[in-house]
Protein backbone atom coordinates (compact mmCIF):
# COMPACT_ATOMS: atom_id res chain seq x y z
CA MET A 1 58.42 -0.91 -28.68
CA GLU A 2 57.92 -2.75 -25.71
CA ASP A 3 57.42 0.07 -23.61
CA LYS A 4 54.97 1.08 -25.92
CA ARG A 5 52.91 -2.52 -25.86
CA TYR A 6 52.79 -2.30 -21.95
CA SER A 7 51.65 0.74 -22.12
CA MET A 8 48.89 -0.23 -24.29
CA ARG A 9 47.56 -2.75 -22.03
CA LYS A 10 48.79 -0.84 -18.91
CA ARG A 11 45.78 1.56 -20.38
CA ALA A 12 43.26 -0.98 -21.29
CA PHE A 13 43.59 -2.56 -17.82
CA SER A 14 42.66 0.61 -16.44
CA LEU A 15 40.12 1.36 -18.89
CA LEU A 16 38.14 -2.21 -17.93
CA PHE A 17 38.52 -1.63 -14.47
CA THR A 18 36.89 1.78 -14.68
CA ILE A 19 34.02 0.08 -16.94
CA PHE A 20 34.10 -2.89 -14.57
CA LEU A 21 33.63 -0.35 -11.50
CA VAL A 22 30.88 2.08 -12.99
CA VAL A 23 28.70 -1.18 -14.18
CA LEU A 24 29.01 -2.37 -10.28
CA ILE A 25 28.49 0.93 -8.69
CA GLY A 26 25.21 1.37 -11.12
CA LEU A 27 23.79 -1.52 -10.30
CA LEU A 28 24.36 -1.48 -6.77
CA SER A 29 22.61 2.22 -6.80
CA HIS A 30 20.24 0.49 -8.54
CA ARG A 31 19.13 -1.56 -5.85
CA VAL A 32 19.65 0.89 -3.13
CA VAL A 33 16.95 2.85 -5.16
CA GLU A 34 14.77 -0.14 -5.76
CA ASN A 35 14.51 -0.97 -2.08
CA LYS A 36 13.74 2.65 -0.91
CA ILE A 37 11.35 2.84 -3.55
CA PHE A 38 9.75 -0.42 -2.42
CA SER A 39 9.85 0.52 1.44
CA SER A 40 8.50 3.79 0.73
CA ASN A 41 5.45 2.23 -1.02
CA LEU A 42 4.76 -0.40 1.75
CA ASN A 43 4.38 2.44 4.09
CA SER A 44 1.94 4.31 2.82
CA LEU A 45 0.18 0.58 2.54
CA LYS A 46 0.44 -0.01 5.57
CA TYR A 47 -0.96 4.02 6.35
CA LEU A 48 -3.90 3.42 4.06
CA HIS A 49 -4.68 -0.31 6.00
CA LEU A 50 -4.84 1.50 9.41
CA GLN A 51 -6.95 4.29 8.76
CA ALA A 52 -9.26 1.89 7.17
CA ASN A 53 -9.31 -0.04 10.36
CA ILE A 54 -10.11 3.20 12.01
CA HIS A 55 -12.97 3.96 9.65
CA MET A 56 -14.30 0.18 10.32
CA ASP A 57 -13.55 0.54 14.41
CA PHE A 58 -16.05 3.71 14.12
CA VAL A 59 -18.69 2.23 11.59
CA LYS A 60 -18.75 -0.67 14.48
CA GLU A 61 -19.32 1.46 17.30
CA TYR A 62 -21.31 3.32 15.66
CA ILE A 63 -23.97 0.67 14.48
CA LYS A 64 -24.17 -1.04 17.85
CA ASN A 65 -25.01 2.76 19.64
CA HIS A 66 -27.17 3.67 16.99
CA GLN A 67 -31.03 2.85 15.49
CA VAL A 68 -31.29 1.68 12.18
CA ALA A 69 -32.61 4.76 10.41
CA GLN A 70 -29.83 6.64 11.65
CA ILE A 71 -27.04 4.25 10.67
CA ASN A 72 -28.93 3.48 7.03
CA ASP A 73 -27.61 7.42 7.13
CA LEU A 74 -23.85 7.07 7.55
CA SER A 75 -21.54 8.02 5.81
CA LEU A 76 -17.71 8.85 5.77
CA SER A 77 -15.95 12.17 4.99
CA ASP A 78 -12.38 10.82 4.01
CA SER A 79 -12.37 11.02 0.14
CA ARG A 80 -9.67 8.39 0.11
CA PHE A 81 -11.98 5.50 1.01
CA THR A 82 -15.21 4.31 -0.56
CA PHE A 83 -17.81 2.92 2.09
CA THR A 84 -20.88 0.76 1.18
CA LEU A 85 -23.64 -0.28 4.02
CA ASP A 86 -25.85 -2.87 3.17
CA HIS A 87 -28.74 -3.84 5.52
CA GLU A 88 -30.95 -6.97 5.73
CA GLN A 89 -32.99 -8.33 8.51
CA ASN A 90 -32.57 -12.28 8.93
CA SER A 91 -35.30 -14.69 9.74
CA ASP A 92 -34.61 -14.33 13.57
CA GLY A 93 -35.57 -10.55 13.61
CA ASP A 94 -31.85 -9.14 13.86
CA ASP A 95 -30.12 -6.26 11.84
CA VAL A 96 -27.41 -7.83 9.97
CA PHE A 97 -25.37 -4.94 8.14
CA TYR A 98 -22.42 -5.55 5.73
CA VAL A 99 -19.41 -2.78 5.69
CA VAL A 100 -17.34 -2.42 2.49
CA ILE A 101 -14.14 -0.07 2.78
CA GLU A 102 -11.98 0.24 0.38
CA THR A 103 -9.52 2.72 -1.07
CA VAL A 104 -10.69 4.76 -4.23
CA ASP A 105 -7.13 5.12 -5.58
CA GLN A 106 -4.95 1.42 -7.07
CA THR A 107 -3.85 0.48 -3.92
CA PRO A 108 -5.32 -2.97 -2.86
CA ILE A 109 -6.86 -2.28 0.27
CA THR A 110 -10.13 -3.58 1.07
CA LEU A 111 -11.92 -4.28 4.47
CA SER A 112 -15.19 -6.24 4.99
CA GLU A 113 -17.23 -7.20 7.58
CA ILE A 114 -20.50 -8.54 8.84
CA ILE A 115 -21.92 -6.71 11.87
CA ILE A 116 -25.01 -7.92 13.31
CA LYS A 117 -27.29 -6.03 15.97
């Protein structure tokens, strides 16, 4: 009778220990997968921000080197970004361009700049 109780306790302890290990491994693997997804999303945002900066640099150089009529016809051929260009002339006679570049999808990347020519 004593051996039977000892054997049942032993099985119960091993079952409890197995359940504990399965839960622990599940929590650790969840954390690893969560970090991988976060890192992947962060890399995607870095890439889009870098691409938006490249577009902004191109627009700045284009505005510096072209006439107003040519600048008003400027558009970007990248389907991932929307491009808005507004033009005003201030009281000093300078041309002021308001440039906004933002992503089309739900990623929160928006660059805006005021360029005075």
